[in-house]
Amino acid sequence: MGTVIGAILGLGFSRLIQYTHNQGYVDRQSYVAQFLAFAIFTTGVIRTIGSDDLLGAFAAGSAMSWDGHFQKQVKGEVFSSVFDFVLNCACFIYIGAWIPFHSFNSPDLFISPWQLVVLAIVILCLRRIPFVLLLHFWVPEIATWREALFCGHFGPMGVGAIFVSTLALTRLPEPQNPPQNQAELLAAVMHPIVSFVVLCSIIIHGLSIPVFSLTREASRVLSISPTLVSRHPDEWLMSTHQKAPATGADIETDTWLCTCT
C-alpha cells in the first residue's frame, strides 16, 4: 500500500510541477524546496495511514524522477549538492555512533570476530555478484563479465539495513541476559551482526574506487614507461649535447623536443 500510494503521489507531483513550471508559476531555483516539501508530505501521508513510509518515499521519488525532468532542473544547483552532502555526513555520523563495537566479541551470544568476518565476506560475495553475472547477458549496458563483476560488487549496505533491523527489533521481545529463547537470542544478536556487516560494507565499498583508480593508474604508468623510453631516446640527446656545442637553432630544437616530451 505504501509503494502504491507513493508512486501515485510521485507521478501526480511530477505532472503538477511540470505544469506549474511551464506556466511560469515556479522558477528553477524553487525546485529543491518543492522537492523537500513533497518528501515531508509523502512521509506524513503514508505514516498517517499506518503504511511503510520508507517504501512509499522511495516509490514517490522514483516515480517523480522517471522521465528525467526533475534531474534536468536541479542539475548544477549548489544548494542541492550541499544538502545531499550534509545529509550524507549526518547519516554516516549516526551509523558510526550506532555501531556496538563492544558486542563484536560476545561468547555468551555465540558471536566472535572471526565468525563475523566470515559472514561479512560471504554476504558481500554472494548477495549480488552471482546474480549480476548470470543476468548481465540481458542488460545492454553491461558488455563483459568484468563489467558485470564490477557492477555486482557495488551494493553498499547502510541506511536500509539499519532501518529494517531496527524495525525488526521493535517486533521482537526484549532480550534478557542470558536470552531465554530463540526470539530473545535473535533480538540480542541482530544489532551486532547487522552493524558489523554495514561497517564492512562501508569500508570495502568506500575504498573500492580509490583502490581501483590507483591500480589502474599504476598499470597505465608501468605500461607507458617502456614505450616512452623507446620513443624518446633521452640518452642519445644527452650524448649529442656532449659531442657538439649548442647553437641558437639547437637550443630551439631541444626546447621543442622537451616540450613535446
C-alpha atoms as a PDB file:
ATOM      1  CA  MET A   1       0.000   0.000   0.000  1.00  0.00           C
ATOM      2  CA  GLY A   2       2.818   2.400   0.821  1.00  0.00           C
ATOM      3  CA  THR A   3       4.520   1.683  -2.505  1.00  0.00           C
ATOM      4  CA  VAL A   4       1.302   2.220  -4.493  1.00  0.00           C
ATOM      5  CA  ILE A   5       0.411   5.462  -2.709  1.00  0.00           C
ATOM      6  CA  GLY A   6       3.966   6.754  -3.024  1.00  0.00           C
ATOM      7  CA  ALA A   7       4.057   6.020  -6.750  1.00  0.00           C
ATOM      8  CA  ILE A   8       0.714   7.779  -7.292  1.00  0.00           C
ATOM      9  CA  LEU A   9       1.861  10.814  -5.315  1.00  0.00           C
ATOM     10  CA  GLY A  10       5.149  10.897  -7.200  1.00  0.00           C
ATOM     11  CA  LEU A  11       3.508  10.808 -10.613  1.00  0.00           C
ATOM     12  CA  GLY A  12       0.975  13.452  -9.601  1.00  0.00           C
ATOM     13  CA  PHE A  13       3.681  15.723  -8.214  1.00  0.00           C
ATOM     14  CA  SER A  14       5.795  15.289 -11.347  1.00  0.00           C
ATOM     15  CA  ARG A  15       2.904  16.325 -13.613  1.00  0.00           C
ATOM     16  CA  LEU A  16       1.961  19.214 -11.336  1.00  0.00           C
ATOM     17  CA  ILE A  17       5.482  20.634 -11.067  1.00  0.00           C
ATOM     18  CA  GLN A  18       5.981  20.406 -14.825  1.00  0.00           C
ATOM     19  CA  TYR A  19       2.685  22.218 -15.480  1.00  0.00           C
ATOM     20  CA  THR A  20       3.441  24.996 -12.997  1.00  0.00           C
ATOM     21  CA  HIS A  21       6.943  25.401 -14.406  1.00  0.00           C
ATOM     22  CA  ASN A  22       5.655  25.651 -17.976  1.00  0.00           C
ATOM     23  CA  GLN A  23       3.107  28.242 -16.872  1.00  0.00           C
ATOM     24  CA  GLY A  24       5.817  30.282 -15.141  1.00  0.00           C
ATOM     25  CA  TYR A  25       4.476  29.795 -11.610  1.00  0.00           C
ATOM     26  CA  VAL A  26       7.639  28.084 -10.303  1.00  0.00           C
ATOM     27  CA  ASP A  27      11.207  29.030 -11.200  1.00  0.00           C
ATOM     28  CA  ARG A  28      14.151  26.677 -11.451  1.00  0.00           C
ATOM     29  CA  GLN A  29      15.604  27.698  -8.100  1.00  0.00           C
ATOM     30  CA  SER A  30      12.444  26.613  -6.265  1.00  0.00           C
ATOM     31  CA  TYR A  31      12.606  23.012  -7.399  1.00  0.00           C
ATOM     32  CA  VAL A  32      14.743  21.884  -4.468  1.00  0.00           C
ATOM     33  CA  ALA A  33      12.396  23.497  -1.938  1.00  0.00           C
ATOM     34  CA  GLN A  34       9.386  21.857  -3.597  1.00  0.00           C
ATOM     35  CA  PHE A  35      11.186  18.527  -3.527  1.00  0.00           C
ATOM     36  CA  LEU A  36      11.840  18.758   0.226  1.00  0.00           C
ATOM     37  CA  ALA A  37       8.242  19.762   0.905  1.00  0.00           C
ATOM     38  CA  PHE A  38       6.982  16.864  -1.201  1.00  0.00           C
ATOM     39  CA  ALA A  39       9.213  14.380   0.668  1.00  0.00           C
ATOM     40  CA  ILE A  40       7.871  15.529   4.034  1.00  0.00           C
ATOM     41  CA  PHE A  41       4.302  15.496   2.714  1.00  0.00           C
ATOM     42  CA  THR A  42       4.634  11.952   1.327  1.00  0.00           C
ATOM     43  CA  THR A  43       6.171  10.607   4.517  1.00  0.00           C
ATOM     44  CA  GLY A  44       3.453  12.224   6.615  1.00  0.00           C
ATOM     45  CA  VAL A  45       0.586  10.926   4.496  1.00  0.00           C
ATOM     46  CA  ILE A  46       1.839   7.342   4.345  1.00  0.00           C
ATOM     47  CA  ARG A  47       2.786   7.341   8.013  1.00  0.00           C
ATOM     48  CA  THR A  48      -0.661   8.622   8.949  1.00  0.00           C
ATOM     49  CA  ILE A  49      -2.457   5.728   7.282  1.00  0.00           C
ATOM     50  CA  GLY A  50      -0.093   3.276   9.006  1.00  0.00           C
ATOM     51  CA  SER A  51       1.778   2.014   5.946  1.00  0.00           C
ATOM     52  CA  ASP A  52       5.513   1.744   5.235  1.00  0.00           C
ATOM     53  CA  ASP A  53       6.827   5.285   4.834  1.00  0.00           C
ATOM     54  CA  LEU A  54      10.293   4.128   3.673  1.00  0.00           C
ATOM     55  CA  LEU A  55       8.937   2.191   0.694  1.00  0.00           C
ATOM     56  CA  GLY A  56       6.452   4.984  -0.005  1.00  0.00           C
ATOM     57  CA  ALA A  57       9.137   7.667  -0.089  1.00  0.00           C
ATOM     58  CA  PHE A  58      11.311   5.528  -2.356  1.00  0.00           C
ATOM     59  CA  ALA A  59       8.432   4.844  -4.752  1.00  0.00           C
ATOM     60  CA  ALA A  60       7.457   8.530  -4.783  1.00  0.00           C
ATOM     61  CA  GLY A  61      10.993   9.645  -5.598  1.00  0.00           C
ATOM     62  CA  SER A  62      11.366   7.012  -8.329  1.00  0.00           C
ATOM     63  CA  ALA A  63       8.032   7.937  -9.924  1.00  0.00           C
ATOM     64  CA  MET A  64       8.773  11.653  -9.735  1.00  0.00           C
ATOM     65  CA  SER A  65      12.139  11.317 -11.499  1.00  0.00           C
ATOM     66  CA  TRP A  66      11.081   8.660 -14.013  1.00  0.00           C
ATOM     67  CA  ASP A  67      11.006  10.985 -17.040  1.00  0.00           C
ATOM     68  CA  GLY A  68      14.211  12.853 -16.077  1.00  0.00           C
ATOM     69  CA  HIS A  69      12.580  16.294 -15.915  1.00  0.00           C
ATOM     70  CA  PHE A  70      13.442  16.862 -12.258  1.00  0.00           C
ATOM     71  CA  GLN A  71      17.111  15.932 -12.723  1.00  0.00           C
ATOM     72  CA  LYS A  72      17.446  18.399 -15.573  1.00  0.00           C
ATOM     73  CA  GLN A  73      16.057  21.231 -13.481  1.00  0.00           C
ATOM     74  CA  VAL A  74      18.138  20.680 -10.344  1.00  0.00           C
ATOM     75  CA  LYS A  75      21.343  19.722 -12.153  1.00  0.00           C
ATOM     76  CA  GLY A  76      24.142  22.056 -11.133  1.00  0.00           C
ATOM     77  CA  GLU A  77      22.256  23.574  -8.198  1.00  0.00           C
ATOM     78  CA  VAL A  78      24.687  24.277  -5.375  1.00  0.00           C
ATOM     79  CA  PHE A  79      22.051  24.027  -2.653  1.00  0.00           C
ATOM     80  CA  SER A  80      21.051  20.541  -3.755  1.00  0.00           C
ATOM     81  CA  SER A  81      24.657  19.314  -3.613  1.00  0.00           C
ATOM     82  CA  VAL A  82      25.248  20.919  -0.215  1.00  0.00           C
ATOM     83  CA  PHE A  83      22.025  19.449   1.146  1.00  0.00           C
ATOM     84  CA  ASP A  84      22.944  15.961  -0.053  1.00  0.00           C
ATOM     85  CA  PHE A  85      26.405  16.320   1.467  1.00  0.00           C
ATOM     86  CA  VAL A  86      25.009  17.413   4.851  1.00  0.00           C
ATOM     87  CA  LEU A  87      22.524  14.538   4.934  1.00  0.00           C
ATOM     88  CA  ASN A  88      25.211  12.024   3.999  1.00  0.00           C
ATOM     89  CA  CYS A  89      27.549  13.293   6.703  1.00  0.00           C
ATOM     90  CA  ALA A  90      24.780  13.210   9.322  1.00  0.00           C
ATOM     91  CA  CYS A  91      23.808   9.708   8.261  1.00  0.00           C
ATOM     92  CA  PHE A  92      27.357   8.378   8.499  1.00  0.00           C
ATOM     93  CA  ILE A  93      27.851  10.046  11.887  1.00  0.00           C
ATOM     94  CA  TYR A  94      24.707   8.328  13.143  1.00  0.00           C
ATOM     95  CA  ILE A  95      25.827   4.962  11.756  1.00  0.00           C
ATOM     96  CA  GLY A  96      29.224   5.330  13.403  1.00  0.00           C
ATOM     97  CA  ALA A  97      27.619   6.122  16.771  1.00  0.00           C
ATOM     98  CA  TRP A  98      25.123   3.266  16.315  1.00  0.00           C
ATOM     99  CA  ILE A  99      27.742   0.519  15.873  1.00  0.00           C
ATOM    100  CA  PRO A 100      28.279  -1.509  19.110  1.00  0.00           C
ATOM    101  CA  PHE A 101      31.980  -2.320  18.870  1.00  0.00           C
ATOM    102  CA  HIS A 102      31.961  -3.926  22.320  1.00  0.00           C
ATOM    103  CA  SER A 103      29.451  -6.556  21.160  1.00  0.00           C
ATOM    104  CA  PHE A 104      31.594  -7.945  18.356  1.00  0.00           C
ATOM    105  CA  ASN A 105      33.162 -10.385  20.814  1.00  0.00           C
ATOM    106  CA  SER A 106      30.339 -11.860  22.895  1.00  0.00           C
ATOM    107  CA  PRO A 107      30.874 -15.572  23.693  1.00  0.00           C
ATOM    108  CA  ASP A 108      27.617 -15.673  25.649  1.00  0.00           C
ATOM    109  CA  LEU A 109      25.760 -14.761  22.427  1.00  0.00           C
ATOM    110  CA  PHE A 110      27.874 -17.126  20.281  1.00  0.00           C
ATOM    111  CA  ILE A 111      29.464 -14.153  18.490  1.00  0.00           C
ATOM    112  CA  SER A 112      33.189 -13.968  17.754  1.00  0.00           C
ATOM    113  CA  PRO A 113      35.183 -11.675  15.444  1.00  0.00           C
ATOM    114  CA  TRP A 114      36.255 -14.428  13.042  1.00  0.00           C
ATOM    115  CA  GLN A 115      32.650 -15.580  12.619  1.00  0.00           C
ATOM    116  CA  LEU A 116      31.582 -12.026  11.803  1.00  0.00           C
ATOM    117  CA  VAL A 117      34.401 -11.666   9.273  1.00  0.00           C
ATOM    118  CA  VAL A 118      33.446 -14.897   7.513  1.00  0.00           C
ATOM    119  CA  LEU A 119      29.781 -13.899   7.490  1.00  0.00           C
ATOM    120  CA  ALA A 120      30.560 -10.457   6.037  1.00  0.00           C
ATOM    121  CA  ILE A 121      32.742 -11.969   3.285  1.00  0.00           C
ATOM    122  CA  VAL A 122      30.049 -14.497   2.354  1.00  0.00           C
ATOM    123  CA  ILE A 123      27.342 -11.812   2.235  1.00  0.00           C
ATOM    124  CA  LEU A 124      29.425  -9.409   0.164  1.00  0.00           C
ATOM    125  CA  CYS A 125      30.403 -12.144  -2.295  1.00  0.00           C
ATOM    126  CA  LEU A 126      27.042 -13.890  -2.718  1.00  0.00           C
ATOM    127  CA  ARG A 127      24.465 -11.147  -2.249  1.00  0.00           C
ATOM    128  CA  ARG A 128      24.766  -9.529  -5.703  1.00  0.00           C
ATOM    129  CA  ILE A 129      27.738 -10.768  -7.703  1.00  0.00           C
ATOM    130  CA  PRO A 130      26.415 -14.218  -8.806  1.00  0.00           C
ATOM    131  CA  PHE A 131      23.053 -12.822  -9.916  1.00  0.00           C
ATOM    132  CA  VAL A 132      24.565  -9.925 -11.861  1.00  0.00           C
ATOM    133  CA  LEU A 133      26.975 -12.314 -13.581  1.00  0.00           C
ATOM    134  CA  LEU A 134      24.075 -14.555 -14.575  1.00  0.00           C
ATOM    135  CA  LEU A 135      21.768 -11.776 -15.745  1.00  0.00           C
ATOM    136  CA  HIS A 136      24.243  -9.398 -17.407  1.00  0.00           C
ATOM    137  CA  PHE A 137      23.553 -11.000 -20.812  1.00  0.00           C
ATOM    138  CA  TRP A 138      20.124  -9.325 -20.768  1.00  0.00           C
ATOM    139  CA  VAL A 139      21.469  -5.910 -19.693  1.00  0.00           C
ATOM    140  CA  PRO A 140      22.657  -3.912 -22.745  1.00  0.00           C
ATOM    141  CA  GLU A 141      24.745  -1.521 -20.637  1.00  0.00           C
ATOM    142  CA  ILE A 142      26.936  -4.374 -19.328  1.00  0.00           C
ATOM    143  CA  ALA A 143      29.175  -5.611 -22.135  1.00  0.00           C
ATOM    144  CA  THR A 144      31.625  -8.039 -20.491  1.00  0.00           C
ATOM    145  CA  TRP A 145      31.783 -10.248 -17.444  1.00  0.00           C
ATOM    146  CA  ARG A 146      34.320  -7.877 -15.903  1.00  0.00           C
ATOM    147  CA  GLU A 147      31.807  -5.050 -16.038  1.00  0.00           C
ATOM    148  CA  ALA A 148      29.219  -7.411 -14.548  1.00  0.00           C
ATOM    149  CA  LEU A 149      31.614  -8.272 -11.725  1.00  0.00           C
ATOM    150  CA  PHE A 150      32.275  -4.577 -11.152  1.00  0.00           C
ATOM    151  CA  CYS A 151      28.540  -3.758 -11.055  1.00  0.00           C
ATOM    152  CA  GLY A 152      27.763  -6.706  -8.834  1.00  0.00           C
ATOM    153  CA  HIS A 153      30.420  -5.697  -6.358  1.00  0.00           C
ATOM    154  CA  PHE A 154      28.894  -2.289  -5.685  1.00  0.00           C
ATOM    155  CA  GLY A 155      25.906  -2.935  -3.449  1.00  0.00           C
ATOM    156  CA  PRO A 156      26.558  -0.886  -0.298  1.00  0.00           C
ATOM    157  CA  MET A 157      24.538  -1.694   2.811  1.00  0.00           C
ATOM    158  CA  GLY A 158      23.709   1.116   5.200  1.00  0.00           C
ATOM    159  CA  VAL A 159      20.536   3.026   5.960  1.00  0.00           C
ATOM    160  CA  GLY A 160      18.149   0.380   4.629  1.00  0.00           C
ATOM    161  CA  ALA A 161      19.741  -2.414   6.657  1.00  0.00           C
ATOM    162  CA  ILE A 162      19.724  -0.290   9.804  1.00  0.00           C
ATOM    163  CA  PHE A 163      16.077   0.659   9.294  1.00  0.00           C
ATOM    164  CA  VAL A 164      14.925  -2.917   8.699  1.00  0.00           C
ATOM    165  CA  SER A 165      16.892  -4.289  11.655  1.00  0.00           C
ATOM    166  CA  THR A 166      15.589  -1.545  13.936  1.00  0.00           C
ATOM    167  CA  LEU A 167      12.050  -2.266  12.780  1.00  0.00           C
ATOM    168  CA  ALA A 168      12.570  -5.968  13.439  1.00  0.00           C
ATOM    169  CA  LEU A 169      13.776  -5.242  16.982  1.00  0.00           C
ATOM    170  CA  THR A 170      10.506  -3.457  17.725  1.00  0.00           C
ATOM    171  CA  ARG A 171       8.622  -6.657  16.795  1.00  0.00           C
ATOM    172  CA  LEU A 172      10.845  -8.957  18.896  1.00  0.00           C
ATOM    173  CA  PRO A 173      10.743  -9.383  22.682  1.00  0.00           C
ATOM    174  CA  GLU A 174      13.178  -7.543  24.926  1.00  0.00           C
ATOM    175  CA  PRO A 175      16.162  -9.887  25.383  1.00  0.00           C
ATOM    176  CA  GLN A 176      17.202 -10.952  28.868  1.00  0.00           C
ATOM    177  CA  ASN A 177      20.720 -11.758  29.993  1.00  0.00           C
ATOM    178  CA  PRO A 178      21.152 -14.550  29.080  1.00  0.00           C
ATOM    179  CA  PRO A 179      18.417 -14.966  26.418  1.00  0.00           C
ATOM    180  CA  GLN A 180      15.693 -17.416  27.393  1.00  0.00           C
ATOM    181  CA  ASN A 181      14.510 -18.479  23.921  1.00  0.00           C
ATOM    182  CA  GLN A 182      15.308 -18.188  20.222  1.00  0.00           C
ATOM    183  CA  ALA A 183      13.346 -14.951  19.799  1.00  0.00           C
ATOM    184  CA  GLU A 184      15.330 -13.232  22.543  1.00  0.00           C
ATOM    185  CA  LEU A 185      18.593 -14.599  21.156  1.00  0.00           C
ATOM    186  CA  LEU A 186      17.697 -13.223  17.723  1.00  0.00           C
ATOM    187  CA  ALA A 187      16.913  -9.826  19.240  1.00  0.00           C
ATOM    188  CA  ALA A 188      20.242  -9.843  21.106  1.00  0.00           C
ATOM    189  CA  VAL A 189      22.468 -10.782  18.154  1.00  0.00           C
ATOM    190  CA  MET A 190      20.725  -8.789  15.405  1.00  0.00           C
ATOM    191  CA  HIS A 191      22.277  -5.419  16.288  1.00  0.00           C
ATOM    192  CA  PRO A 192      25.925  -6.633  16.417  1.00  0.00           C
ATOM    193  CA  ILE A 193      25.655  -8.754  13.265  1.00  0.00           C
ATOM    194  CA  VAL A 194      23.917  -6.097  11.145  1.00  0.00           C
ATOM    195  CA  SER A 195      26.215  -3.336  12.374  1.00  0.00           C
ATOM    196  CA  PHE A 196      29.355  -5.364  11.577  1.00  0.00           C
ATOM    197  CA  VAL A 197      28.144  -6.167   8.055  1.00  0.00           C
ATOM    198  CA  VAL A 198      27.274  -2.492   7.494  1.00  0.00           C
ATOM    199  CA  LEU A 199      30.705  -1.463   8.787  1.00  0.00           C
ATOM    200  CA  CYS A 200      32.454  -3.876   6.416  1.00  0.00           C
ATOM    201  CA  SER A 201      30.296  -2.698   3.525  1.00  0.00           C
ATOM    202  CA  ILE A 202      31.139   0.953   4.194  1.00  0.00           C
ATOM    203  CA  ILE A 203      34.872   0.237   4.406  1.00  0.00           C
ATOM    204  CA  ILE A 204      35.082  -2.106   1.396  1.00  0.00           C
ATOM    205  CA  HIS A 205      32.800  -0.177  -0.939  1.00  0.00           C
ATOM    206  CA  GLY A 206      34.177   3.157   0.215  1.00  0.00           C
ATOM    207  CA  LEU A 207      37.754   2.143  -0.585  1.00  0.00           C
ATOM    208  CA  SER A 208      36.940   0.274  -3.801  1.00  0.00           C
ATOM    209  CA  ILE A 209      37.016   3.340  -6.070  1.00  0.00           C
ATOM    210  CA  PRO A 210      40.344   4.738  -4.732  1.00  0.00           C
ATOM    211  CA  VAL A 211      41.979   1.302  -4.890  1.00  0.00           C
ATOM    212  CA  PHE A 212      40.617   0.707  -8.383  1.00  0.00           C
ATOM    213  CA  SER A 213      41.811   4.131  -9.552  1.00  0.00           C
ATOM    214  CA  LEU A 214      45.285   3.685  -8.058  1.00  0.00           C
ATOM    215  CA  THR A 215      45.622   0.209  -9.556  1.00  0.00           C
ATOM    216  CA  ARG A 216      44.519   1.418 -12.954  1.00  0.00           C
ATOM    217  CA  GLU A 217      46.872   4.415 -12.802  1.00  0.00           C
ATOM    218  CA  ALA A 218      49.802   2.254 -11.714  1.00  0.00           C
ATOM    219  CA  SER A 219      49.206  -0.252 -14.503  1.00  0.00           C
ATOM    220  CA  ARG A 220      48.927   2.569 -17.034  1.00  0.00           C
ATOM    221  CA  VAL A 221      52.190   4.159 -15.892  1.00  0.00           C
ATOM    222  CA  LEU A 222      54.035   0.843 -15.940  1.00  0.00           C
ATOM    223  CA  SER A 223      52.782   0.063 -19.432  1.00  0.00           C
ATOM    224  CA  ILE A 224      53.542   3.516 -20.853  1.00  0.00           C
ATOM    225  CA  SER A 225      57.016   3.997 -19.356  1.00  0.00           C
ATOM    226  CA  PRO A 226      58.835   1.478 -21.610  1.00  0.00           C
ATOM    227  CA  THR A 227      57.078   2.962 -24.633  1.00  0.00           C
ATOM    228  CA  LEU A 228      58.223   6.484 -23.757  1.00  0.00           C
ATOM    229  CA  VAL A 229      61.791   5.313 -23.273  1.00  0.00           C
ATOM    230  CA  SER A 230      61.822   3.591 -26.644  1.00  0.00           C
ATOM    231  CA  ARG A 231      60.187   6.505 -28.463  1.00  0.00           C
ATOM    232  CA  HIS A 232      62.225   9.333 -26.858  1.00  0.00           C
ATOM    233  CA  PRO A 233      65.910   8.403 -26.615  1.00  0.00           C
ATOM    234  CA  ASP A 234      66.968  10.945 -23.997  1.00  0.00           C
ATOM    235  CA  GLU A 235      70.394   9.341 -23.677  1.00  0.00           C
ATOM    236  CA  TRP A 236      71.032   9.911 -27.387  1.00  0.00           C
ATOM    237  CA  LEU A 237      70.115  13.596 -26.954  1.00  0.00           C
ATOM    238  CA  MET A 238      72.466  13.918 -23.994  1.00  0.00           C
ATOM    239  CA  SER A 239      75.316  12.327 -25.938  1.00  0.00           C
ATOM    240  CA  THR A 240      74.648  14.750 -28.822  1.00  0.00           C
ATOM    241  CA  HIS A 241      74.928  17.715 -26.444  1.00  0.00           C
ATOM    242  CA  GLN A 242      78.280  16.465 -25.186  1.00  0.00           C
ATOM    243  CA  LYS A 243      79.733  15.990 -28.656  1.00  0.00           C
ATOM    244  CA  ALA A 244      78.776  19.289 -30.307  1.00  0.00           C
ATOM    245  CA  PRO A 245      78.463  22.841 -28.948  1.00  0.00           C
ATOM    246  CA  ALA A 246      74.929  24.173 -28.734  1.00  0.00           C
ATOM    247  CA  THR A 247      73.803  26.892 -31.126  1.00  0.00           C
ATOM    248  CA  GLY A 248      70.654  29.022 -31.173  1.00  0.00           C
ATOM    249  CA  ALA A 249      68.893  26.674 -33.567  1.00  0.00           C
ATOM    250  CA  ASP A 250      69.889  23.675 -31.450  1.00  0.00           C
ATOM    251  CA  ILE A 251      68.513  25.309 -28.304  1.00  0.00           C
ATOM    252  CA  GLU A 252      65.173  25.997 -30.019  1.00  0.00           C
ATOM    253  CA  THR A 253      65.038  22.439 -31.328  1.00  0.00           C
ATOM    254  CA  ASP A 254      65.843  20.961 -27.916  1.00  0.00           C
ATOM    255  CA  THR A 255      63.238  23.188 -26.285  1.00  0.00           C
ATOM    256  CA  TRP A 256      60.627  21.997 -28.751  1.00  0.00           C
ATOM    257  CA  LEU A 257      61.585  18.354 -28.181  1.00  0.00           C
ATOM    258  CA  CYS A 258      61.381  18.748 -24.401  1.00  0.00           C
ATOM    259  CA  THR A 259      58.007  20.415 -24.695  1.00  0.00           C
ATOM    260  CA  CYS A 260      56.675  17.576 -26.852  1.00  0.00           C
ATOM    261  CA  THR A 261      58.111  15.017 -24.475  1.00  0.00           C
END
